[in-house]
């Protein structure tokens, strides 16, 4: 299909709905989850993508023929209409057309912000340069062992908005979200029972002004957090929760109420305060980094009431 043919098709498609005031920027897996959510909410919206044939286009055209779309480039004219942009995490908010819309007064948010406004169950949120998928997976297993109905998604697996649409949504007792810095860029009201920035290292610096900007974006996760968790071994990550009452984990001996490692009977143990919980040689995951990941998961699980013995199994 040529660019001209695509434009003709788009023009014909847009005639079915000219009153939209929300623009989904970027299709793909996340964009389609936003489309499903907005359609279920009976919102008037359109979709744009810089790619001529973005992933998910066939599903959009087949299942939502009434939705206008603009593919093959970002048109400044399209970005003048919406009062709200829902931006795919793969697209930088610094994109000129998005900044143009923001300057015109449009709200710039992402799928996690929409999720945050709807979710009813407590939320655990995990971010960091490394280890977040491991911690998220551990918490999902710990919740299952504790017989807690938990749903996991976000940056891995199921898009967050799709978690609200499953049949079990009303029975959900806990949400466990892995979040990237890209997702946190467009999130401002996520309320969490506990959240963590596991660590900070140089990553995605092509999208950020520098390491401090990248870290600060990660730190958004603490803005509305009841019990922040920090890593005692990462000064940059710790600084993001400065001024807040925190729970901590690290690979040193922990103070009372915090998580770390202790030596006992010639073995190294995962511990809470002076209480030894599990010998590290009994862990299925090897390596110091996974000891830290396990400590983080145990700390967060405790905050939301998961059973300690079940978490250790």
C-alpha atoms as a PDB file:
ATOM      1  CA  UNK A   1       0.000   0.000   0.000  1.00  0.00           C
ATOM      2  CA  UNK A   2       1.433   3.391  -0.964  1.00  0.00           C
ATOM      3  CA  UNK A   3       1.506   6.518   1.189  1.00  0.00           C
ATOM      4  CA  UNK A   4      -1.142   8.122  -1.078  1.00  0.00           C
ATOM      5  CA  UNK A   5      -3.463   5.118  -0.797  1.00  0.00           C
ATOM      6  CA  UNK A   6      -3.049   5.088   2.975  1.00  0.00           C
ATOM      7  CA  UNK A   7      -3.892   8.801   3.185  1.00  0.00           C
ATOM      8  CA  UNK A   8      -7.018   8.334   1.082  1.00  0.00           C
ATOM      9  CA  UNK A   9      -8.116   5.490   3.346  1.00  0.00           C
ATOM     10  CA  UNK A  10      -7.440   7.554   6.461  1.00  0.00           C
ATOM     11  CA  UNK A  11      -9.430  10.498   5.145  1.00  0.00           C
ATOM     12  CA  UNK A  12     -12.380   8.216   4.456  1.00  0.00           C
ATOM     13  CA  UNK A  13     -12.032   6.639   7.884  1.00  0.00           C
ATOM     14  CA  UNK A  14     -11.948   9.969   9.737  1.00  0.00           C
ATOM     15  CA  UNK A  15     -15.303  11.022   8.304  1.00  0.00           C
ATOM     16  CA  UNK A  16     -17.101   8.572  10.616  1.00  0.00           C
ATOM     17  CA  UNK A  17     -16.075  10.452  13.752  1.00  0.00           C
ATOM     18  CA  UNK A  18     -14.930  14.076  13.871  1.00  0.00           C
ATOM     19  CA  UNK A  19     -15.683  14.921  17.507  1.00  0.00           C
ATOM     20  CA  UNK A  20     -12.823  13.032  19.173  1.00  0.00           C
ATOM     21  CA  UNK A  21     -10.741  14.838  21.788  1.00  0.00           C
ATOM     22  CA  UNK A  22      -8.396  12.012  22.875  1.00  0.00           C
ATOM     23  CA  UNK A  23      -5.481  10.883  20.727  1.00  0.00           C
ATOM     24  CA  UNK A  24      -3.698   7.546  21.237  1.00  0.00           C
ATOM     25  CA  UNK A  25      -0.094   8.135  20.148  1.00  0.00           C
ATOM     26  CA  UNK A  26       1.530   4.859  19.085  1.00  0.00           C
ATOM     27  CA  UNK A  27      -0.226   1.555  18.436  1.00  0.00           C
ATOM     28  CA  UNK A  28       1.417  -1.829  19.083  1.00  0.00           C
ATOM     29  CA  UNK A  29       0.543  -3.977  22.101  1.00  0.00           C
ATOM     30  CA  UNK A  30       0.201  -1.108  24.574  1.00  0.00           C
ATOM     31  CA  UNK A  31      -1.650   1.125  22.132  1.00  0.00           C
ATOM     32  CA  UNK A  32      -4.175  -1.610  21.403  1.00  0.00           C
ATOM     33  CA  UNK A  33      -4.797  -2.062  25.130  1.00  0.00           C
ATOM     34  CA  UNK A  34      -5.578   1.660  25.309  1.00  0.00           C
ATOM     35  CA  UNK A  35      -7.893   1.347  22.306  1.00  0.00           C
ATOM     36  CA  UNK A  36      -9.793  -1.516  23.963  1.00  0.00           C
ATOM     37  CA  UNK A  37     -10.063   0.423  27.214  1.00  0.00           C
ATOM     38  CA  UNK A  38     -11.313   3.638  25.595  1.00  0.00           C
ATOM     39  CA  UNK A  39     -13.769   1.744  23.395  1.00  0.00           C
ATOM     40  CA  UNK A  40     -15.180  -0.031  26.466  1.00  0.00           C
ATOM     41  CA  UNK A  41     -15.544   3.392  28.092  1.00  0.00           C
ATOM     42  CA  UNK A  42     -17.374   4.624  24.967  1.00  0.00           C
ATOM     43  CA  UNK A  43     -14.909   7.474  24.511  1.00  0.00           C
ATOM     44  CA  UNK A  44     -14.412   9.357  21.252  1.00  0.00           C
ATOM     45  CA  UNK A  45     -10.775   9.017  20.231  1.00  0.00           C
ATOM     46  CA  UNK A  46      -8.363   8.644  17.345  1.00  0.00           C
ATOM     47  CA  UNK A  47      -5.050   6.818  16.875  1.00  0.00           C
ATOM     48  CA  UNK A  48      -1.827   7.980  15.275  1.00  0.00           C
ATOM     49  CA  UNK A  49       1.485   6.243  14.599  1.00  0.00           C
ATOM     50  CA  UNK A  50       4.604   7.361  12.754  1.00  0.00           C
ATOM     51  CA  UNK A  51       4.771   3.957  11.056  1.00  0.00           C
ATOM     52  CA  UNK A  52       2.717   3.292   7.952  1.00  0.00           C
ATOM     53  CA  UNK A  53       1.914  -0.284   9.034  1.00  0.00           C
ATOM     54  CA  UNK A  54       2.220  -0.371  12.842  1.00  0.00           C
ATOM     55  CA  UNK A  55       1.758  -3.641  14.721  1.00  0.00           C
ATOM     56  CA  UNK A  56      -1.912  -4.004  15.603  1.00  0.00           C
ATOM     57  CA  UNK A  57      -3.275  -2.100  12.617  1.00  0.00           C
ATOM     58  CA  UNK A  58      -5.245  -5.086  11.303  1.00  0.00           C
ATOM     59  CA  UNK A  59      -6.929  -5.613  14.680  1.00  0.00           C
ATOM     60  CA  UNK A  60      -7.748  -1.915  14.939  1.00  0.00           C
ATOM     61  CA  UNK A  61      -9.341  -1.758  11.491  1.00  0.00           C
ATOM     62  CA  UNK A  62     -11.243  -5.027  11.954  1.00  0.00           C
ATOM     63  CA  UNK A  63     -12.551  -4.560  15.500  1.00  0.00           C
ATOM     64  CA  UNK A  64     -12.831  -0.779  15.721  1.00  0.00           C
ATOM     65  CA  UNK A  65     -13.757   0.464  12.214  1.00  0.00           C
ATOM     66  CA  UNK A  66     -15.299   3.604  13.701  1.00  0.00           C
ATOM     67  CA  UNK A  67     -11.986   4.809  15.140  1.00  0.00           C
ATOM     68  CA  UNK A  68     -10.103   7.369  13.018  1.00  0.00           C
ATOM     69  CA  UNK A  69      -6.419   6.677  12.473  1.00  0.00           C
ATOM     70  CA  UNK A  70      -3.479   8.589  11.052  1.00  0.00           C
ATOM     71  CA  UNK A  71      -0.526   6.385  10.119  1.00  0.00           C
ATOM     72  CA  UNK A  72       2.728   6.993   8.269  1.00  0.00           C
ATOM     73  CA  UNK A  73       3.900  10.085  10.153  1.00  0.00           C
ATOM     74  CA  UNK A  74       2.876  12.556  12.834  1.00  0.00           C
ATOM     75  CA  UNK A  75       0.797  15.386  11.395  1.00  0.00           C
ATOM     76  CA  UNK A  76       0.930  18.654  13.383  1.00  0.00           C
ATOM     77  CA  UNK A  77      -2.682  19.250  12.355  1.00  0.00           C
ATOM     78  CA  UNK A  78      -3.792  16.016  14.049  1.00  0.00           C
ATOM     79  CA  UNK A  79      -2.066  17.029  17.279  1.00  0.00           C
ATOM     80  CA  UNK A  80      -3.945  20.351  17.380  1.00  0.00           C
ATOM     81  CA  UNK A  81      -7.349  18.743  18.051  1.00  0.00           C
ATOM     82  CA  UNK A  82      -7.018  16.585  21.210  1.00  0.00           C
ATOM     83  CA  UNK A  83      -7.389  17.733  24.792  1.00  0.00           C
ATOM     84  CA  UNK A  84      -5.717  14.509  25.943  1.00  0.00           C
ATOM     85  CA  UNK A  85      -2.826  12.473  24.516  1.00  0.00           C
ATOM     86  CA  UNK A  86      -2.239   8.902  25.659  1.00  0.00           C
ATOM     87  CA  UNK A  87       1.348   8.273  24.647  1.00  0.00           C
ATOM     88  CA  UNK A  88       2.893   4.858  24.028  1.00  0.00           C
ATOM     89  CA  UNK A  89       5.974   4.371  26.258  1.00  0.00           C
ATOM     90  CA  UNK A  90       8.072   3.755  23.171  1.00  0.00           C
ATOM     91  CA  UNK A  91       7.552   7.359  22.039  1.00  0.00           C
ATOM     92  CA  UNK A  92       9.447  10.153  23.754  1.00  0.00           C
ATOM     93  CA  UNK A  93       7.316  12.877  25.309  1.00  0.00           C
ATOM     94  CA  UNK A  94       9.921  15.301  23.957  1.00  0.00           C
ATOM     95  CA  UNK A  95       8.652  14.595  20.411  1.00  0.00           C
ATOM     96  CA  UNK A  96       7.874  17.987  18.870  1.00  0.00           C
ATOM     97  CA  UNK A  97       4.244  17.236  17.998  1.00  0.00           C
ATOM     98  CA  UNK A  98       3.569  16.039  21.564  1.00  0.00           C
ATOM     99  CA  UNK A  99       5.170  19.178  22.946  1.00  0.00           C
ATOM    100  CA  UNK A 100       3.035  21.218  20.548  1.00  0.00           C
ATOM    101  CA  UNK A 101      -0.114  19.598  21.938  1.00  0.00           C
ATOM    102  CA  UNK A 102       1.092  20.148  25.485  1.00  0.00           C
ATOM    103  CA  UNK A 103       1.658  23.802  24.700  1.00  0.00           C
ATOM    104  CA  UNK A 104      -1.925  23.971  23.483  1.00  0.00           C
ATOM    105  CA  UNK A 105      -3.119  22.723  26.864  1.00  0.00           C
ATOM    106  CA  UNK A 106      -3.505  19.002  26.152  1.00  0.00           C
ATOM    107  CA  UNK A 107      -3.022  16.526  29.002  1.00  0.00           C
ATOM    108  CA  UNK A 108      -0.123  14.142  28.315  1.00  0.00           C
ATOM    109  CA  UNK A 109      -0.514  10.743  30.006  1.00  0.00           C
ATOM    110  CA  UNK A 110       0.151   7.055  29.373  1.00  0.00           C
ATOM    111  CA  UNK A 111      -1.584   3.739  29.901  1.00  0.00           C
ATOM    112  CA  UNK A 112      -0.283   3.392  33.471  1.00  0.00           C
ATOM    113  CA  UNK A 113      -1.891   6.699  34.420  1.00  0.00           C
ATOM    114  CA  UNK A 114      -5.232   5.470  33.051  1.00  0.00           C
ATOM    115  CA  UNK A 115      -4.766   2.255  35.016  1.00  0.00           C
ATOM    116  CA  UNK A 116      -3.935   4.192  38.185  1.00  0.00           C
ATOM    117  CA  UNK A 117      -7.205   6.108  37.921  1.00  0.00           C
ATOM    118  CA  UNK A 118      -9.263   2.912  37.728  1.00  0.00           C
ATOM    119  CA  UNK A 119      -7.538   0.233  39.819  1.00  0.00           C
ATOM    120  CA  UNK A 120      -9.236  -0.595  43.115  1.00  0.00           C
ATOM    121  CA  UNK A 121      -6.888  -3.199  44.655  1.00  0.00           C
ATOM    122  CA  UNK A 122      -3.551  -2.347  46.320  1.00  0.00           C
ATOM    123  CA  UNK A 123      -0.623  -1.911  43.929  1.00  0.00           C
ATOM    124  CA  UNK A 124       3.012  -2.949  44.185  1.00  0.00           C
ATOM    125  CA  UNK A 125       5.244  -1.144  41.680  1.00  0.00           C
ATOM    126  CA  UNK A 126       8.781  -2.171  40.747  1.00  0.00           C
ATOM    127  CA  UNK A 127      11.287  -0.293  38.625  1.00  0.00           C
ATOM    128  CA  UNK A 128      15.061  -0.193  38.282  1.00  0.00           C
ATOM    129  CA  UNK A 129      17.758  -0.608  35.675  1.00  0.00           C
ATOM    130  CA  UNK A 130      18.198  -4.307  36.515  1.00  0.00           C
ATOM    131  CA  UNK A 131      16.280  -7.041  38.324  1.00  0.00           C
ATOM    132  CA  UNK A 132      12.750  -5.711  38.058  1.00  0.00           C
ATOM    133  CA  UNK A 133      11.396  -8.674  36.095  1.00  0.00           C
ATOM    134  CA  UNK A 134      12.878 -11.115  38.624  1.00  0.00           C
ATOM    135  CA  UNK A 135      11.383  -9.251  41.593  1.00  0.00           C
ATOM    136  CA  UNK A 136       8.017  -8.953  39.857  1.00  0.00           C
ATOM    137  CA  UNK A 137       7.981 -12.680  39.094  1.00  0.00           C
ATOM    138  CA  UNK A 138       9.003 -13.586  42.646  1.00  0.00           C
ATOM    139  CA  UNK A 139       6.183 -11.479  44.071  1.00  0.00           C
ATOM    140  CA  UNK A 140       3.658 -13.126  41.763  1.00  0.00           C
ATOM    141  CA  UNK A 141       4.788 -16.561  43.000  1.00  0.00           C
ATOM    142  CA  UNK A 142       4.747 -15.378  46.626  1.00  0.00           C
ATOM    143  CA  UNK A 143       1.202 -14.066  46.227  1.00  0.00           C
ATOM    144  CA  UNK A 144       0.092 -17.373  44.749  1.00  0.00           C
ATOM    145  CA  UNK A 145       1.692 -19.286  47.621  1.00  0.00           C
ATOM    146  CA  UNK A 146      -0.086 -16.927  50.027  1.00  0.00           C
ATOM    147  CA  UNK A 147      -3.400 -17.637  48.255  1.00  0.00           C
ATOM    148  CA  UNK A 148      -3.784 -13.989  47.304  1.00  0.00           C
ATOM    149  CA  UNK A 149      -5.482 -13.256  43.978  1.00  0.00           C
ATOM    150  CA  UNK A 150      -2.817 -11.122  42.280  1.00  0.00           C
ATOM    151  CA  UNK A 151      -2.445  -9.903  38.727  1.00  0.00           C
ATOM    152  CA  UNK A 152       0.894  -9.029  37.184  1.00  0.00           C
ATOM    153  CA  UNK A 153       1.653  -6.855  34.183  1.00  0.00           C
ATOM    154  CA  UNK A 154       2.848  -3.504  32.941  1.00  0.00           C
ATOM    155  CA  UNK A 155       6.260  -3.616  31.325  1.00  0.00           C
ATOM    156  CA  UNK A 156       6.125  -7.421  31.137  1.00  0.00           C
ATOM    157  CA  UNK A 157       3.344  -9.777  30.128  1.00  0.00           C
ATOM    158  CA  UNK A 158      -0.124  -8.278  30.109  1.00  0.00           C
ATOM    159  CA  UNK A 159      -0.546  -4.535  29.492  1.00  0.00           C
ATOM    160  CA  UNK A 160      -1.799  -2.878  32.669  1.00  0.00           C
ATOM    161  CA  UNK A 161      -5.148  -1.768  31.231  1.00  0.00           C
ATOM    162  CA  UNK A 162      -5.955  -5.313  30.138  1.00  0.00           C
ATOM    163  CA  UNK A 163      -5.694  -6.373  33.801  1.00  0.00           C
ATOM    164  CA  UNK A 164      -8.808  -4.295  34.463  1.00  0.00           C
ATOM    165  CA  UNK A 165     -10.789  -6.100  31.787  1.00  0.00           C
ATOM    166  CA  UNK A 166     -10.254  -9.750  32.713  1.00  0.00           C
ATOM    167  CA  UNK A 167     -13.103 -11.758  34.227  1.00  0.00           C
ATOM    168  CA  UNK A 168     -11.241 -11.994  37.533  1.00  0.00           C
ATOM    169  CA  UNK A 169     -10.787  -8.212  37.828  1.00  0.00           C
ATOM    170  CA  UNK A 170     -13.426  -7.803  40.542  1.00  0.00           C
ATOM    171  CA  UNK A 171     -11.775 -10.573  42.569  1.00  0.00           C
ATOM    172  CA  UNK A 172      -8.285  -9.086  42.279  1.00  0.00           C
ATOM    173  CA  UNK A 173      -6.709  -8.481  45.686  1.00  0.00           C
ATOM    174  CA  UNK A 174      -3.338  -7.181  44.507  1.00  0.00           C
ATOM    175  CA  UNK A 175      -1.705  -5.724  41.413  1.00  0.00           C
ATOM    176  CA  UNK A 176       2.029  -6.225  40.808  1.00  0.00           C
ATOM    177  CA  UNK A 177       3.399  -3.890  38.157  1.00  0.00           C
ATOM    178  CA  UNK A 178       6.804  -3.829  36.556  1.00  0.00           C
ATOM    179  CA  UNK A 179       7.330  -0.299  35.268  1.00  0.00           C
ATOM    180  CA  UNK A 180       9.941   1.208  32.978  1.00  0.00           C
ATOM    181  CA  UNK A 181      11.178   4.785  33.074  1.00  0.00           C
ATOM    182  CA  UNK A 182       9.352   5.307  29.790  1.00  0.00           C
ATOM    183  CA  UNK A 183       6.042   4.394  31.438  1.00  0.00           C
ATOM    184  CA  UNK A 184       6.752   6.574  34.457  1.00  0.00           C
ATOM    185  CA  UNK A 185       7.307   9.611  32.214  1.00  0.00           C
ATOM    186  CA  UNK A 186       3.563   9.834  31.652  1.00  0.00           C
ATOM    187  CA  UNK A 187       2.367   8.732  35.104  1.00  0.00           C
ATOM    188  CA  UNK A 188       1.518  11.212  37.854  1.00  0.00           C
ATOM    189  CA  UNK A 189      -1.148   9.790  40.177  1.00  0.00           C
ATOM    190  CA  UNK A 190      -0.162   6.141  40.704  1.00  0.00           C
ATOM    191  CA  UNK A 191      -0.927   5.316  44.344  1.00  0.00           C
ATOM    192  CA  UNK A 192       0.990   2.299  45.613  1.00  0.00           C
ATOM    193  CA  UNK A 193       1.044   0.270  48.804  1.00  0.00           C
ATOM    194  CA  UNK A 194       4.780  -0.140  48.262  1.00  0.00           C
ATOM    195  CA  UNK A 195       7.199   0.680  45.471  1.00  0.00           C
ATOM    196  CA  UNK A 196      10.900   0.341  44.781  1.00  0.00           C
ATOM    197  CA  UNK A 197      13.648   1.667  42.546  1.00  0.00           C
ATOM    198  CA  UNK A 198      15.904  -1.371  42.719  1.00  0.00           C
ATOM    199  CA  UNK A 199      19.001   0.298  41.286  1.00  0.00           C
ATOM    200  CA  UNK A 200      20.195   2.977  38.898  1.00  0.00           C
ATOM    201  CA  UNK A 201      22.779   2.505  36.158  1.00  0.00           C
ATOM    202  CA  UNK A 202      23.391   4.210  32.827  1.00  0.00           C
ATOM    203  CA  UNK A 203      20.574   3.133  30.546  1.00  0.00           C
ATOM    204  CA  UNK A 204      18.392   4.776  27.874  1.00  0.00           C
ATOM    205  CA  UNK A 205      20.550   7.897  28.053  1.00  0.00           C
ATOM    206  CA  UNK A 206      19.720   8.581  24.402  1.00  0.00           C
ATOM    207  CA  UNK A 207      16.256   9.533  25.679  1.00  0.00           C
ATOM    208  CA  UNK A 208      17.276  11.511  28.762  1.00  0.00           C
ATOM    209  CA  UNK A 209      19.388  14.603  29.411  1.00  0.00           C
ATOM    210  CA  UNK A 210      21.685  12.539  31.633  1.00  0.00           C
ATOM    211  CA  UNK A 211      21.807  10.056  34.480  1.00  0.00           C
ATOM    212  CA  UNK A 212      20.137  12.455  36.938  1.00  0.00           C
ATOM    213  CA  UNK A 213      17.203  12.994  34.567  1.00  0.00           C
ATOM    214  CA  UNK A 214      16.850   9.237  34.061  1.00  0.00           C
ATOM    215  CA  UNK A 215      16.976   8.602  37.823  1.00  0.00           C
ATOM    216  CA  UNK A 216      14.463  11.348  38.571  1.00  0.00           C
ATOM    217  CA  UNK A 217      12.045   9.787  36.094  1.00  0.00           C
ATOM    218  CA  UNK A 218      12.370   6.474  37.929  1.00  0.00           C
ATOM    219  CA  UNK A 219      11.815   8.309  41.225  1.00  0.00           C
ATOM    220  CA  UNK A 220       8.285   9.297  40.206  1.00  0.00           C
ATOM    221  CA  UNK A 221       7.298   5.839  41.452  1.00  0.00           C
ATOM    222  CA  UNK A 222       7.641   7.102  45.062  1.00  0.00           C
ATOM    223  CA  UNK A 223       5.366  10.135  44.687  1.00  0.00           C
ATOM    224  CA  UNK A 224       2.211   8.537  46.092  1.00  0.00           C
ATOM    225  CA  UNK A 225       3.686   5.523  47.877  1.00  0.00           C
ATOM    226  CA  UNK A 226       2.566   4.432  51.343  1.00  0.00           C
ATOM    227  CA  UNK A 227       5.749   2.452  52.083  1.00  0.00           C
ATOM    228  CA  UNK A 228       8.765   3.174  49.874  1.00  0.00           C
ATOM    229  CA  UNK A 229      11.437   0.478  49.704  1.00  0.00           C
ATOM    230  CA  UNK A 230      15.054   1.481  49.052  1.00  0.00           C
ATOM    231  CA  UNK A 231      18.270  -0.359  48.225  1.00  0.00           C
ATOM    232  CA  UNK A 232      20.951   0.470  50.795  1.00  0.00           C
ATOM    233  CA  UNK A 233      23.649  -0.564  48.298  1.00  0.00           C
ATOM    234  CA  UNK A 234      22.680   2.006  45.634  1.00  0.00           C
ATOM    235  CA  UNK A 235      23.196   5.631  46.663  1.00  0.00           C
ATOM    236  CA  UNK A 236      21.529   7.061  43.537  1.00  0.00           C
ATOM    237  CA  UNK A 237      18.409   4.959  44.038  1.00  0.00           C
ATOM    238  CA  UNK A 238      18.300   5.711  47.776  1.00  0.00           C
ATOM    239  CA  UNK A 239      18.396   9.462  47.140  1.00  0.00           C
ATOM    240  CA  UNK A 240      15.152   9.279  45.188  1.00  0.00           C
ATOM    241  CA  UNK A 241      13.198   8.510  48.388  1.00  0.00           C
ATOM    242  CA  UNK A 242      14.940  11.145  50.501  1.00  0.00           C
ATOM    243  CA  UNK A 243      12.702  12.668  53.144  1.00  0.00           C
ATOM    244  CA  UNK A 244      10.355   9.693  53.264  1.00  0.00           C
ATOM    245  CA  UNK A 245      10.021   7.003  55.941  1.00  0.00           C
ATOM    246  CA  UNK A 246      11.500   4.021  54.170  1.00  0.00           C
ATOM    247  CA  UNK A 247      11.919   0.292  54.474  1.00  0.00           C
ATOM    248  CA  UNK A 248      15.270  -0.935  53.156  1.00  0.00           C
ATOM    249  CA  UNK A 249      17.116  -3.958  51.841  1.00  0.00           C
ATOM    250  CA  UNK A 250      20.790  -4.585  51.143  1.00  0.00           C
ATOM    251  CA  UNK A 251      23.550  -7.142  51.200  1.00  0.00           C
ATOM    252  CA  UNK A 252      24.901  -5.974  54.570  1.00  0.00           C
ATOM    253  CA  UNK A 253      23.570  -6.799  58.043  1.00  0.00           C
ATOM    254  CA  UNK A 254      20.166  -5.190  58.452  1.00  0.00           C
ATOM    255  CA  UNK A 255      18.965  -3.071  61.338  1.00  0.00           C
ATOM    256  CA  UNK A 256      15.791  -4.043  63.166  1.00  0.00           C
ATOM    257  CA  UNK A 257      12.804  -4.184  60.813  1.00  0.00           C
ATOM    258  CA  UNK A 258      14.885  -4.046  57.638  1.00  0.00           C
ATOM    259  CA  UNK A 259      16.148  -6.737  55.247  1.00  0.00           C
ATOM    260  CA  UNK A 260      19.671  -7.939  54.531  1.00  0.00           C
ATOM    261  CA  UNK A 261      22.177 -10.775  54.987  1.00  0.00           C
ATOM    262  CA  UNK A 262      23.421 -12.342  58.217  1.00  0.00           C
ATOM    263  CA  UNK A 263      25.994 -14.975  59.031  1.00  0.00           C
ATOM    264  CA  UNK A 264      24.900 -17.910  61.206  1.00  0.00           C
ATOM    265  CA  UNK A 265      26.195 -21.454  61.611  1.00  0.00           C
ATOM    266  CA  UNK A 266      28.839 -20.795  58.939  1.00  0.00           C
ATOM    267  CA  UNK A 267      26.123 -19.932  56.448  1.00  0.00           C
ATOM    268  CA  UNK A 268      24.799 -16.739  54.846  1.00  0.00           C
ATOM    269  CA  UNK A 269      21.109 -16.086  55.461  1.00  0.00           C
ATOM    270  CA  UNK A 270      18.418 -13.816  54.108  1.00  0.00           C
ATOM    271  CA  UNK A 271      17.333 -11.956  57.220  1.00  0.00           C
ATOM    272  CA  UNK A 272      14.896  -9.431  58.615  1.00  0.00           C
ATOM    273  CA  UNK A 273      16.650  -7.583  61.409  1.00  0.00           C
ATOM    274  CA  UNK A 274      18.232 -10.289  63.563  1.00  0.00           C
ATOM    275  CA  UNK A 275      15.803 -12.969  62.337  1.00  0.00           C
ATOM    276  CA  UNK A 276      17.360 -15.390  59.866  1.00  0.00           C
ATOM    277  CA  UNK A 277      14.790 -16.404  57.261  1.00  0.00           C
ATOM    278  CA  UNK A 278      16.422 -18.598  54.616  1.00  0.00           C
ATOM    279  CA  UNK A 279      19.948 -19.849  53.984  1.00  0.00           C
ATOM    280  CA  UNK A 280      21.101 -18.564  50.611  1.00  0.00           C
ATOM    281  CA  UNK A 281      22.403 -22.009  49.650  1.00  0.00           C
ATOM    282  CA  UNK A 282      18.772 -23.154  49.723  1.00  0.00           C
ATOM    283  CA  UNK A 283      17.731 -20.572  47.134  1.00  0.00           C
ATOM    284  CA  UNK A 284      16.872 -21.722  43.629  1.00  0.00           C
ATOM    285  CA  UNK A 285      18.284 -18.479  42.169  1.00  0.00           C
ATOM    286  CA  UNK A 286      22.065 -18.084  42.361  1.00  0.00           C
ATOM    287  CA  UNK A 287      24.183 -14.977  42.711  1.00  0.00           C
ATOM    288  CA  UNK A 288      24.423 -11.906  44.935  1.00  0.00           C
ATOM    289  CA  UNK A 289      22.087  -9.962  42.655  1.00  0.00           C
ATOM    290  CA  UNK A 290      19.366 -12.555  43.175  1.00  0.00           C
ATOM    291  CA  UNK A 291      19.881 -12.437  46.924  1.00  0.00           C
ATOM    292  CA  UNK A 292      19.127  -8.727  46.676  1.00  0.00           C
ATOM    293  CA  UNK A 293      16.122  -9.426  44.454  1.00  0.00           C
ATOM    294  CA  UNK A 294      14.757 -11.961  46.951  1.00  0.00           C
ATOM    295  CA  UNK A 295      15.207  -9.513  49.843  1.00  0.00           C
ATOM    296  CA  UNK A 296      13.336  -6.820  47.925  1.00  0.00           C
ATOM    297  CA  UNK A 297      10.474  -9.211  47.144  1.00  0.00           C
ATOM    298  CA  UNK A 298      10.245 -10.373  50.767  1.00  0.00           C
ATOM    299  CA  UNK A 299      10.122  -6.789  52.019  1.00  0.00           C
ATOM    300  CA  UNK A 300       7.409  -5.737  49.596  1.00  0.00           C
ATOM    301  CA  UNK A 301       5.414  -8.899  50.183  1.00  0.00           C
ATOM    302  CA  UNK A 302       5.421  -8.226  53.905  1.00  0.00           C
ATOM    303  CA  UNK A 303       4.086  -4.692  53.356  1.00  0.00           C
ATOM    304  CA  UNK A 304       0.999  -5.997  51.529  1.00  0.00           C
ATOM    305  CA  UNK A 305       0.389  -8.801  54.024  1.00  0.00           C
ATOM    306  CA  UNK A 306       1.701 -11.860  52.200  1.00  0.00           C
ATOM    307  CA  UNK A 307       2.476 -14.758  54.525  1.00  0.00           C
ATOM    308  CA  UNK A 308       6.150 -14.926  55.403  1.00  0.00           C
ATOM    309  CA  UNK A 309       6.343 -18.714  55.470  1.00  0.00           C
ATOM    310  CA  UNK A 310       4.564 -18.963  52.118  1.00  0.00           C
ATOM    311  CA  UNK A 311       6.976 -16.427  50.608  1.00  0.00           C
ATOM    312  CA  UNK A 312       9.966 -18.485  51.724  1.00  0.00           C
ATOM    313  CA  UNK A 313       8.773 -21.741  50.176  1.00  0.00           C
END
